[in-house]
Amino acid sequence: MKNIQLFINGEFKNSSNGKSVESIDSCNGEVIAEVQIPSESDIEDAVNAANTAFYDSEWRDYDVEKRSEILLKVSELIKERKRDLIEWEIKDSGSTFSKAAADVHNSASYFKVLSKSMKNFNFGPTMDERATREGFSKNYLIHEPVGVCAQIIPWNFPLIMAAWKIGPIIAAGCTTVLKSAVETPVTAMMLAEILKDAGLPNGVVNIITGGAKEGEALLQNKLIKKVAFTGSTEVGKLIMKNASEKMLNTTLELGGKSPNIILKDADLDIAIDGSLYAFLYHQGQACDSGTRILVHEEIYDEFKERLLKRIEDIGIGLTSEKSSTYGPMVNEKHMNRVMSYIDKTKEEGANLLCGGHRITEGDYSKGCYIAPTVFEITPDNTIWHEEIFGPVAGLTKFKTTDEAIKLANHSEYGLAAAVWGKDQKEIDKLTRAIEAGTIWVNEYHLLNPGMPFGGFKMSGIGREMGDKGLMAYLEPKHLWVSDCDSRDKKPWFDMIFKPSK
């Protein structure tokens, strides 16, 4: 059993108040770790360490090449420790082997891609030729690090979410206190070990864990200059409200209720498997899950029949077995929340096509398993609008492309969407009209570390990854340098003086 400590100013330590909680493997109910919960003084120490590292150390003077080398080293060390990381990601978050292995690979890939791409980012100073005029002024653009950041990540992708947050901190030259989710704190703290081994200076990245109370204490610290949060829209609203009082730079990656549109000319072999992948990947515990499946009426019956037959091939199993491709909910509390949505949808009279129950037979009796569930729904159903964060999808038919667009956008969310088909004219019309930050065509869930990820509407503010994600941790500074070499060339000064006689 691991002891998950706090990582503050380059050192691992227990909570100063002796408070800790147990981390449970949701596959079998076994305790896998003792998790140290920080006191308010621990959180203050972490922020002070980040503040000192930013203002009173050599960190801000590290050149691009040196920061890039650290990112690349982190990538290499993640690869070296992949077996341990996969093992603990499985135990801690209920991930299957294939999902955990992908997360470790993608985390290493992100640090590597960022290491290369930041070398091509122009931090400045760079003269803007359009704004510069000889004999009048030279104008330069500089990008400076925001400063001390507070970052909060969710429980569903603990390692990769930590990578997405910490990567731009290093690239931009900021410092941070990152709070992992108390439900899944293990691999984020393992990443702290890797950062230390990679030679990251003390205090640049500090990692704690905890719940809402610890997150609030972190965000209230007066030294924080930026907040980056990934999680539910409801919590995001509270964070934005509190951040507004201090006018904090804010990035919010929030919920989703993503439409998955199947056109009448779609390749059903691909679209059906892709649709199942869209809402069952990590048991539906992904913010961009394709949970509203919109199908053209001409192929609706065939699609439904084949989908229900294919769903029987989902590899439900224990996460300890590499062959398993579908595991448990993260914990009992979340499982009960998902079941409450299923029960409510039944009460509303929606047609249940499959699933809708817990899996408790045999080896699954101690786990938090829910059967893959599909309803036929309309916008009158609660699950059309509210994010379930579980293995539940709704089927809906449409007649025209315009109707599909209307249904797709009939949501307060706008994180992601997908279109399956061949008619390029229809695809172009849909992808232009759908209100979402990421749209896949004949694909789902795949992300490119060089491209931005984030949402429209209630799905958040700002972007992560790519140059846009790096820019979120930089403040643009305009440097105006006069090119006028004599007083008589500055007549605007005369506006405040009495006219000369």
Protein backbone atom coordinates (compact mmCIF):
# COMPACT_ATOMS: atom_id res chain seq x y z
CA MET A 1 0.00 0.00 0.00
CA LYS A 2 1.34 3.41 -0.99
CA ASN A 3 1.55 6.48 1.22
CA ILE A 4 0.59 9.37 -1.05
CA GLN A 5 2.33 12.39 0.43
CA LEU A 6 2.32 16.09 -0.37
CA PHE A 7 4.97 17.40 -2.77
CA ILE A 8 5.99 20.87 -1.58
CA ASN A 9 9.15 22.77 -2.55
CA GLY A 10 10.78 19.65 -3.94
CA GLU A 11 10.12 17.49 -0.87
CA PHE A 12 7.61 14.75 -0.07
CA LYS A 13 5.96 15.11 3.32
CA ASN A 14 2.97 14.03 5.35
CA SER A 15 0.17 16.43 6.22
CA SER A 16 1.00 18.69 9.15
CA ASN A 17 -2.36 17.91 10.77
CA GLY A 18 -2.07 14.14 10.40
CA LYS A 19 -5.22 13.92 8.29
CA SER A 20 -5.43 11.18 5.67
CA VAL A 21 -7.99 9.12 3.75
CA GLU A 22 -7.94 5.73 2.06
CA SER A 23 -7.90 5.26 -1.71
CA ILE A 24 -10.01 2.31 -2.88
CA ASP A 25 -9.68 0.07 -5.94
CA SER A 26 -13.19 0.31 -7.40
CA CYS A 27 -12.79 -3.05 -9.10
CA ASN A 28 -12.66 -5.03 -5.87
CA GLY A 29 -13.07 -2.62 -2.94
CA GLU A 30 -9.50 -3.10 -1.68
CA VAL A 31 -7.56 -0.26 -0.04
CA ILE A 32 -4.55 0.60 -2.19
CA ALA A 33 -3.18 3.80 -0.66
CA GLU A 34 -3.18 6.13 2.33
CA VAL A 35 -3.63 9.67 1.04
CA GLN A 36 -2.32 12.68 2.96
CA ILE A 37 -4.82 15.57 3.04
CA PRO A 38 -3.13 18.97 3.38
CA SER A 39 -3.90 21.43 6.15
CA GLU A 40 -4.40 25.11 5.39
CA SER A 41 -0.80 25.75 6.47
CA ASP A 42 0.41 23.03 4.07
CA ILE A 43 -1.46 24.70 1.22
CA GLU A 44 -0.03 28.07 2.19
CA ASP A 45 3.47 26.55 2.26
CA ALA A 46 2.93 25.16 -1.24
CA VAL A 47 1.81 28.52 -2.62
CA ASN A 48 4.69 30.31 -0.89
CA ALA A 49 7.12 27.81 -2.43
CA ALA A 50 5.66 28.50 -5.88
CA ASN A 51 5.84 32.25 -5.27
CA THR A 52 9.46 32.09 -4.16
CA ALA A 53 10.38 29.91 -7.13
CA PHE A 54 8.82 32.44 -9.49
CA TYR A 55 10.15 35.69 -8.02
CA ASP A 56 13.27 34.80 -6.04
CA SER A 57 15.00 32.04 -7.99
CA GLU A 58 16.67 31.57 -11.36
CA TRP A 59 13.62 29.83 -12.84
CA ARG A 60 12.32 32.85 -14.76
CA ASP A 61 15.73 33.27 -16.36
CA TYR A 62 15.80 29.74 -17.78
CA ASP A 63 16.00 30.03 -21.55
CA VAL A 64 13.71 28.18 -23.92
CA GLU A 65 16.28 25.48 -24.58
CA LYS A 66 16.69 24.64 -20.91
CA ARG A 67 12.95 24.43 -20.23
CA SER A 68 12.56 22.32 -23.36
CA GLU A 69 15.21 19.89 -22.11
CA ILE A 70 13.29 19.41 -18.84
CA LEU A 71 10.07 18.65 -20.73
CA LEU A 72 11.85 16.12 -22.91
CA LYS A 73 13.45 14.48 -19.88
CA VAL A 74 10.03 14.18 -18.22
CA SER A 75 8.73 12.44 -21.35
CA GLU A 76 11.63 9.99 -21.30
CA LEU A 77 11.19 9.20 -17.60
CA ILE A 78 7.45 8.57 -18.05
CA LYS A 79 8.33 5.99 -20.68
CA GLU A 80 10.91 4.39 -18.37
CA ARG A 81 8.33 4.09 -15.59
CA LYS A 82 5.40 3.11 -17.78
CA ARG A 83 4.84 -0.28 -16.12
CA ASP A 84 4.49 1.24 -12.66
CA LEU A 85 2.35 4.08 -13.96
CA ILE A 86 0.03 1.69 -15.82
CA GLU A 87 -0.29 -0.57 -12.79
CA TRP A 88 -1.26 2.24 -10.45
CA GLU A 89 -3.49 4.04 -12.93
CA ILE A 90 -5.49 0.81 -13.18
CA LYS A 91 -5.76 0.37 -9.41
CA ASP A 92 -6.42 4.01 -8.64
CA SER A 93 -8.90 5.06 -11.31
CA GLY A 94 -10.60 1.85 -12.43
CA SER A 95 -8.94 2.09 -15.82
CA THR A 96 -8.56 -0.95 -18.01
CA PHE A 97 -5.04 -1.92 -19.08
CA SER A 98 -5.55 -0.57 -22.60
CA LYS A 99 -6.88 2.75 -21.33
CA ALA A 100 -4.13 3.16 -18.74
CA ALA A 101 -1.43 2.26 -21.26
CA ALA A 102 -2.84 4.83 -23.71
CA ASP A 103 -2.88 7.50 -20.99
CA VAL A 104 0.76 6.86 -20.09
CA HIS A 105 1.78 6.92 -23.74
CA ASN A 106 -0.19 10.11 -24.42
CA SER A 107 1.25 11.84 -21.35
CA ALA A 108 4.79 11.10 -22.50
CA SER A 109 3.87 12.17 -26.03
CA TYR A 110 2.43 15.48 -24.82
CA PHE A 111 5.60 16.45 -22.94
CA LYS A 112 7.70 15.51 -25.98
CA VAL A 113 5.55 17.43 -28.46
CA LEU A 114 5.47 20.48 -26.17
CA SER A 115 9.25 20.28 -25.77
CA LYS A 116 9.63 20.62 -29.53
CA SER A 117 6.80 23.05 -30.26
CA MET A 118 7.81 25.58 -27.60
CA LYS A 119 11.11 26.08 -29.42
CA ASN A 120 9.14 27.43 -32.37
CA PHE A 121 6.94 29.65 -30.20
CA ASN A 122 8.02 33.28 -30.39
CA PHE A 123 8.25 34.46 -26.76
CA GLY A 124 9.85 37.72 -27.96
CA PRO A 125 10.77 40.47 -27.92
CA THR A 126 9.70 40.61 -31.56
CA MET A 127 9.38 43.79 -33.55
CA ASP A 128 5.98 44.21 -35.20
CA GLU A 129 6.77 45.66 -38.62
CA ARG A 130 3.16 46.70 -39.18
CA ALA A 131 3.06 48.84 -36.03
CA THR A 132 6.62 50.20 -36.41
CA ARG A 133 7.38 53.41 -38.30
CA GLU A 134 10.90 54.69 -38.81
CA GLY A 135 11.47 58.04 -37.14
CA PHE A 136 8.43 57.60 -34.92
CA SER A 137 8.45 54.35 -32.92
CA LYS A 138 9.59 50.77 -32.74
CA ASN A 139 7.00 48.34 -31.37
CA TYR A 140 7.81 44.97 -29.84
CA LEU A 141 5.70 42.08 -28.55
CA ILE A 142 6.88 40.08 -25.54
CA HIS A 143 5.20 37.09 -23.88
CA GLU A 144 5.78 36.92 -20.12
CA PRO A 145 4.75 34.08 -17.76
CA VAL A 146 1.53 34.75 -15.85
CA GLY A 147 3.09 33.87 -12.50
CA VAL A 148 1.90 31.61 -9.69
CA CYS A 149 -0.94 29.33 -10.79
CA ALA A 150 -3.52 27.17 -9.04
CA GLN A 151 -4.50 24.10 -11.03
CA ILE A 152 -7.21 21.57 -10.20
CA ILE A 153 -7.68 18.30 -12.08
CA PRO A 154 -10.48 15.68 -12.09
CA TRP A 155 -10.43 12.00 -11.20
CA ASN A 156 -11.15 10.41 -14.57
CA PHE A 157 -7.77 10.90 -16.31
CA PRO A 158 -5.43 11.66 -13.38
CA LEU A 159 -2.08 11.28 -15.14
CA ILE A 160 -2.86 12.89 -18.45
CA MET A 161 -4.77 15.76 -16.83
CA ALA A 162 -1.74 16.46 -14.64
CA ALA A 163 0.45 16.41 -17.76
CA TRP A 164 -1.82 18.86 -19.58
CA LYS A 165 -1.64 21.26 -16.66
CA ILE A 166 2.04 20.96 -15.71
CA GLY A 167 3.42 20.95 -19.27
CA PRO A 168 2.62 24.60 -20.07
CA ILE A 169 3.77 25.67 -16.59
CA ILE A 170 7.27 24.50 -17.46
CA ALA A 171 7.10 25.72 -21.07
CA ALA A 172 5.90 29.22 -20.12
CA GLY A 173 8.11 29.67 -17.07
CA CYS A 174 5.28 29.85 -14.54
CA THR A 175 5.02 28.03 -11.20
CA THR A 176 2.06 26.14 -9.77
CA VAL A 177 0.29 24.32 -6.99
CA LEU A 178 -1.65 21.48 -8.59
CA LYS A 179 -4.42 19.75 -6.65
CA SER A 180 -5.18 16.23 -7.79
CA ALA A 181 -8.57 14.64 -7.12
CA VAL A 182 -8.73 12.90 -3.76
CA GLU A 183 -10.37 9.93 -5.50
CA THR A 184 -7.36 9.33 -7.80
CA PRO A 185 -4.17 10.92 -6.41
CA VAL A 186 -1.56 8.22 -7.01
CA THR A 187 -0.17 8.79 -10.51
CA ALA A 188 -0.12 12.58 -10.14
CA MET A 189 2.22 12.12 -7.18
CA MET A 190 4.27 9.61 -9.17
CA LEU A 191 4.61 12.36 -11.77
CA ALA A 192 6.02 14.58 -9.00
CA GLU A 193 8.79 12.01 -8.51
CA ILE A 194 9.51 12.15 -12.24
CA LEU A 195 9.61 15.97 -12.25
CA LYS A 196 12.11 15.90 -9.41
CA ASP A 197 14.27 13.32 -11.19
CA ALA A 198 14.12 15.40 -14.38
CA GLY A 199 15.83 18.28 -12.59
CA LEU A 200 12.90 20.67 -12.26
CA PRO A 201 13.89 23.31 -9.67
CA ASN A 202 12.27 23.14 -6.24
CA GLY A 203 8.98 24.98 -5.88
CA VAL A 204 8.19 25.27 -9.59
CA VAL A 205 5.58 22.49 -9.37
CA ASN A 206 3.96 21.60 -6.06
CA ILE A 207 1.34 18.84 -5.88
CA ILE A 208 -1.27 18.29 -3.19
CA THR A 209 -4.62 16.51 -3.13
CA GLY A 210 -7.95 16.92 -1.39
CA GLY A 211 -11.56 17.80 -1.99
CA ALA A 212 -13.61 20.98 -2.33
CA LYS A 213 -12.39 22.43 0.98
CA GLU A 214 -8.73 22.15 -0.02
CA GLY A 215 -9.45 23.48 -3.49
CA GLU A 216 -11.21 26.52 -2.07
CA ALA A 217 -8.32 27.22 0.32
CA LEU A 218 -5.90 27.08 -2.61
CA LEU A 219 -7.93 29.43 -4.79
CA GLN A 220 -8.38 31.97 -1.99
CA ASN A 221 -4.63 32.52 -1.60
CA LYS A 222 -3.76 36.10 -2.54
CA LEU A 223 -0.53 35.09 -4.31
CA ILE A 224 -2.39 33.13 -7.02
CA LYS A 225 -2.40 34.88 -10.42
CA LYS A 226 -4.14 32.25 -12.55
CA VAL A 227 -6.66 29.44 -12.06
CA ALA A 228 -6.91 26.41 -14.36
CA PHE A 229 -9.69 23.94 -13.59
CA THR A 230 -10.97 20.79 -15.26
CA GLY A 231 -14.18 19.34 -13.88
CA SER A 232 -17.92 19.84 -13.69
CA THR A 233 -19.68 22.93 -15.01
CA GLU A 234 -21.34 23.57 -11.64
CA VAL A 235 -17.99 23.75 -9.84
CA GLY A 236 -16.56 25.75 -12.75
CA LYS A 237 -19.26 28.40 -12.25
CA LEU A 238 -18.30 28.78 -8.59
CA ILE A 239 -14.62 29.03 -9.45
CA MET A 240 -15.30 31.68 -12.09
CA LYS A 241 -17.43 33.66 -9.65
CA ASN A 242 -14.71 33.61 -7.00
CA ALA A 243 -11.96 34.33 -9.52
CA SER A 244 -13.84 37.37 -10.78
CA GLU A 245 -13.42 39.08 -7.41
CA LYS A 246 -9.66 39.10 -7.93
CA MET A 247 -9.81 39.34 -11.75
CA LEU A 248 -7.77 36.15 -12.05
CA ASN A 249 -6.68 34.81 -15.40
CA THR A 250 -8.94 31.73 -15.73
CA THR A 251 -9.04 28.58 -17.85
CA LEU A 252 -12.03 26.26 -17.41
CA GLU A 253 -12.45 22.89 -19.16
CA LEU A 254 -15.90 21.76 -18.09
CA GLY A 255 -18.71 19.35 -18.91
CA GLY A 256 -20.12 18.05 -22.14
CA LYS A 257 -23.14 16.37 -23.68
CA SER A 258 -21.68 15.71 -27.07
CA PRO A 259 -23.80 14.91 -30.15
CA ASN A 260 -22.74 12.00 -32.34
CA ILE A 261 -24.38 12.32 -35.77
CA ILE A 262 -24.83 9.34 -38.10
CA LEU A 263 -25.64 10.34 -41.69
CA LYS A 264 -27.55 8.02 -44.00
CA ASP A 265 -24.45 7.24 -46.10
CA ALA A 266 -22.24 6.40 -43.11
CA ASP A 267 -20.20 3.21 -43.15
CA LEU A 268 -22.11 1.42 -40.41
CA ASP A 269 -19.29 -0.99 -39.58
CA ILE A 270 -17.19 2.01 -38.62
CA ALA A 271 -19.98 4.24 -37.28
CA ILE A 272 -21.41 1.62 -34.91
CA ASP A 273 -18.07 0.63 -33.40
CA GLY A 274 -17.12 4.31 -33.26
CA SER A 275 -20.37 5.24 -31.54
CA LEU A 276 -19.86 2.57 -28.88
CA TYR A 277 -16.29 3.76 -28.38
CA ALA A 278 -17.61 7.32 -28.15
CA PHE A 279 -19.80 6.70 -25.10
CA LEU A 280 -18.25 3.59 -23.48
CA TYR A 281 -14.56 4.56 -23.46
CA HIS A 282 -13.50 4.53 -19.78
CA GLN A 283 -17.07 3.47 -18.99
CA GLY A 284 -18.34 6.85 -20.17
CA GLN A 285 -16.28 8.74 -17.62
CA ALA A 286 -14.98 11.28 -20.14
CA CYS A 287 -16.14 14.87 -20.57
CA ASP A 288 -16.23 14.59 -24.37
CA SER A 289 -18.23 11.32 -24.49
CA GLY A 290 -20.65 11.04 -27.41
CA THR A 291 -23.80 10.40 -25.38
CA ARG A 292 -26.45 11.80 -27.75
CA ILE A 293 -26.49 9.55 -30.82
CA LEU A 294 -28.45 11.23 -33.62
CA VAL A 295 -29.26 8.86 -36.50
CA HIS A 296 -30.83 9.58 -39.89
CA GLU A 297 -34.31 8.09 -40.06
CA GLU A 298 -33.56 6.06 -43.22
CA ILE A 299 -30.96 3.95 -41.40
CA TYR A 300 -32.26 4.30 -37.84
CA ASP A 301 -33.76 0.82 -37.46
CA GLU A 302 -30.75 -0.94 -38.97
CA PHE A 303 -28.35 1.14 -36.90
CA LYS A 304 -30.26 0.40 -33.68
CA GLU A 305 -30.43 -3.33 -34.34
CA ARG A 306 -26.75 -3.62 -35.18
CA LEU A 307 -25.69 -1.38 -32.29
CA LEU A 308 -27.56 -3.52 -29.75
CA LYS A 309 -26.07 -6.69 -31.20
CA ARG A 310 -22.54 -5.25 -31.23
CA ILE A 311 -22.79 -3.96 -27.65
CA GLU A 312 -22.86 -7.59 -26.54
CA ASP A 313 -19.20 -7.83 -27.57
CA ILE A 314 -18.00 -5.17 -25.09
CA GLY A 315 -15.18 -6.70 -23.02
CA ILE A 316 -16.54 -6.31 -19.50
CA GLY A 317 -14.03 -7.65 -17.00
CA LEU A 318 -11.81 -7.18 -13.99
CA THR A 319 -9.22 -4.46 -14.43
CA SER A 320 -6.55 -6.89 -13.24
CA GLU A 321 -6.99 -8.77 -16.52
CA LYS A 322 -5.30 -7.29 -19.61
CA SER A 323 -8.07 -8.60 -21.84
CA SER A 324 -10.72 -6.48 -20.12
CA THR A 325 -11.80 -3.40 -22.06
CA TYR A 326 -14.63 -2.19 -19.83
CA GLY A 327 -14.27 -1.69 -16.09
CA PRO A 328 -16.01 -0.13 -13.08
CA MET A 329 -17.14 3.34 -12.13
CA VAL A 330 -14.52 5.25 -10.13
CA ASN A 331 -16.25 4.63 -6.78
CA GLU A 332 -19.56 3.68 -5.17
CA LYS A 333 -20.71 7.28 -4.78
CA HIS A 334 -20.35 7.96 -8.48
CA MET A 335 -21.91 4.61 -9.39
CA ASN A 336 -25.00 5.54 -7.38
CA ARG A 337 -25.16 8.91 -9.12
CA VAL A 338 -25.12 7.26 -12.56
CA MET A 339 -27.78 4.75 -11.46
CA SER A 340 -29.99 7.61 -10.28
CA TYR A 341 -29.95 9.04 -13.83
CA ILE A 342 -30.82 5.64 -15.26
CA ASP A 343 -33.71 5.26 -12.81
CA LYS A 344 -34.96 8.77 -13.57
CA THR A 345 -34.90 8.11 -17.31
CA LYS A 346 -36.93 4.93 -16.78
CA GLU A 347 -39.44 6.91 -14.69
CA GLU A 348 -39.75 9.45 -17.51
CA GLY A 349 -40.92 6.65 -19.78
CA ALA A 350 -37.96 6.50 -22.16
CA ASN A 351 -37.58 3.21 -24.01
CA LEU A 352 -34.73 1.21 -22.46
CA LEU A 353 -32.99 -0.74 -25.22
CA CYS A 354 -30.27 -2.46 -23.17
CA GLY A 355 -28.51 -2.36 -19.82
CA GLY A 356 -29.89 -0.12 -17.12
CA HIS A 357 -28.62 -2.17 -14.18
CA ARG A 358 -25.59 -2.89 -12.00
CA ILE A 359 -23.41 -5.92 -12.72
CA THR A 360 -23.02 -7.84 -9.46
CA GLU A 361 -22.55 -11.46 -10.48
CA GLY A 362 -19.52 -13.43 -9.31
CA ASP A 363 -16.25 -11.51 -9.43
CA TYR A 364 -18.11 -8.22 -9.94
CA SER A 365 -19.95 -8.36 -6.61
CA LYS A 366 -17.47 -6.09 -4.83
CA GLY A 367 -16.98 -3.72 -7.75
CA CYS A 368 -18.81 -0.66 -9.05
CA TYR A 369 -19.91 -2.01 -12.43
CA ILE A 370 -22.82 -0.73 -14.52
CA ALA A 371 -23.98 -2.46 -17.68
CA PRO A 372 -23.66 -0.46 -20.93
CA THR A 373 -27.00 1.31 -21.25
CA VAL A 374 -28.89 2.73 -24.23
CA PHE A 375 -32.26 4.51 -24.22
CA GLU A 376 -34.35 6.04 -26.98
CA ILE A 377 -34.74 9.68 -25.93
CA THR A 378 -35.99 13.11 -26.95
CA PRO A 379 -35.07 16.61 -25.72
CA ASP A 380 -37.80 16.16 -23.09
CA ASN A 381 -35.65 13.65 -21.22
CA THR A 382 -33.33 14.79 -18.43
CA ILE A 383 -30.35 12.85 -19.81
CA TRP A 384 -30.58 14.81 -23.05
CA HIS A 385 -29.42 17.88 -21.13
CA GLU A 386 -27.48 16.73 -18.07
CA GLU A 387 -24.04 15.14 -18.04
CA ILE A 388 -24.19 11.65 -16.53
CA PHE A 389 -20.48 10.75 -16.75
CA GLY A 390 -21.28 7.08 -17.13
CA PRO A 391 -21.98 4.36 -19.73
CA VAL A 392 -25.36 5.74 -20.80
CA ALA A 393 -26.35 6.98 -24.26
CA GLY A 394 -29.56 8.10 -25.91
CA LEU A 395 -30.66 7.33 -29.48
CA THR A 396 -32.66 9.92 -31.43
CA LYS A 397 -33.65 9.97 -35.11
CA PHE A 398 -33.59 12.96 -37.46
CA LYS A 399 -34.92 13.64 -40.98
CA THR A 400 -32.75 16.42 -42.39
CA THR A 401 -29.33 17.94 -41.91
CA ASP A 402 -30.92 21.11 -40.58
CA GLU A 403 -32.81 19.09 -37.98
CA ALA A 404 -29.58 17.32 -36.99
CA ILE A 405 -27.89 20.69 -36.47
CA LYS A 406 -30.79 21.94 -34.39
CA LEU A 407 -30.76 18.81 -32.22
CA ALA A 408 -26.97 18.85 -31.88
CA ASN A 409 -26.94 22.46 -30.68
CA HIS A 410 -29.95 21.97 -28.38
CA SER A 411 -27.66 21.83 -25.33
CA GLU A 412 -25.98 24.22 -22.94
CA TYR A 413 -22.73 22.36 -23.60
CA GLY A 414 -20.38 22.57 -26.57
CA LEU A 415 -17.28 20.52 -25.87
CA ALA A 416 -17.18 18.00 -28.70
CA ALA A 417 -19.16 16.36 -31.51
CA ALA A 418 -18.76 13.82 -34.30
CA VAL A 419 -20.16 13.29 -37.78
CA TRP A 420 -20.12 9.92 -39.57
CA GLY A 421 -20.75 9.87 -43.31
CA LYS A 422 -19.36 10.38 -46.81
CA ASP A 423 -21.23 13.33 -48.33
CA GLN A 424 -18.64 16.10 -48.02
CA LYS A 425 -21.17 18.87 -48.60
CA GLU A 426 -23.31 17.64 -45.70
CA ILE A 427 -20.26 17.09 -43.50
CA ASP A 428 -19.00 20.62 -44.20
CA LYS A 429 -22.39 22.10 -43.38
CA LEU A 430 -22.57 20.21 -40.08
CA THR A 431 -19.03 20.91 -38.93
CA ARG A 432 -19.45 24.64 -39.61
CA ALA A 433 -22.79 24.85 -37.81
CA ILE A 434 -22.22 22.66 -34.75
CA GLU A 435 -21.22 24.62 -31.65
CA ALA A 436 -18.33 22.60 -30.27
CA GLY A 437 -14.62 23.00 -29.61
CA THR A 438 -13.61 19.68 -31.17
CA ILE A 439 -15.43 17.95 -34.01
CA TRP A 440 -14.41 14.55 -35.35
CA VAL A 441 -15.32 13.27 -38.80
CA ASN A 442 -15.56 9.47 -38.92
CA GLU A 443 -13.59 9.30 -35.68
CA TYR A 444 -13.95 9.86 -31.94
CA HIS A 445 -11.92 10.70 -28.79
CA LEU A 446 -8.57 11.05 -30.56
CA LEU A 447 -6.73 14.26 -29.64
CA ASN A 448 -3.66 15.88 -31.15
CA PRO A 449 -1.26 17.40 -28.58
CA GLY A 450 -0.40 20.13 -31.06
CA MET A 451 -4.02 21.27 -31.36
CA PRO A 452 -6.22 23.09 -28.80
CA PHE A 453 -8.87 21.34 -26.70
CA GLY A 454 -11.75 23.10 -24.97
CA GLY A 455 -15.39 24.02 -25.39
CA PHE A 456 -18.09 26.45 -26.38
CA LYS A 457 -20.90 27.67 -24.12
CA MET A 458 -21.08 25.97 -20.69
CA SER A 459 -18.23 23.65 -21.60
CA GLY A 460 -15.68 26.20 -20.53
CA ILE A 461 -13.37 29.09 -21.23
CA GLY A 462 -9.97 28.91 -22.90
CA ARG A 463 -8.07 25.99 -24.39
CA GLU A 464 -5.48 23.42 -23.40
CA MET A 465 -2.71 21.93 -25.57
CA GLY A 466 -1.23 23.45 -28.71
CA ASP A 467 -0.10 27.08 -28.93
CA LYS A 468 -3.46 28.24 -27.53
CA GLY A 469 -2.85 26.15 -24.42
CA LEU A 470 0.61 27.67 -23.97
CA MET A 471 -0.74 31.18 -24.52
CA ALA A 472 -3.11 30.65 -21.59
CA TYR A 473 -0.07 30.85 -19.28
CA LEU A 474 1.48 33.92 -20.91
CA GLU A 475 0.70 37.63 -20.73
CA PRO A 476 1.37 39.65 -23.91
CA LYS A 477 3.38 42.80 -23.25
CA HIS A 478 3.68 45.67 -25.72
CA LEU A 479 7.01 47.48 -25.68
CA TRP A 480 6.95 50.94 -27.35
CA VAL A 481 10.37 52.43 -28.07
CA SER A 482 10.48 55.99 -29.32
CA ASP A 483 12.33 56.59 -32.57
CA CYS A 484 11.97 60.41 -32.23
CA ASP A 485 15.35 61.89 -31.36
CA SER A 486 14.41 65.52 -30.67
CA ARG A 487 11.80 67.42 -28.61
CA ASP A 488 10.25 69.20 -31.59
CA LYS A 489 9.21 65.82 -33.00
CA LYS A 490 6.96 65.20 -29.97
CA PRO A 491 4.15 67.77 -30.33
CA TRP A 492 1.76 65.66 -28.20
CA PHE A 493 3.72 66.73 -25.12
CA ASP A 494 2.49 70.29 -25.78
CA MET A 495 -1.10 69.37 -24.90
CA ILE A 496 -0.45 69.84 -21.16
CA PHE A 497 1.54 73.08 -21.33
CA LYS A 498 0.53 76.72 -21.80
CA PRO A 499 0.98 77.84 -25.35
CA SER A 500 4.28 79.58 -25.88
CA LYS A 501 4.11 83.26 -26.86
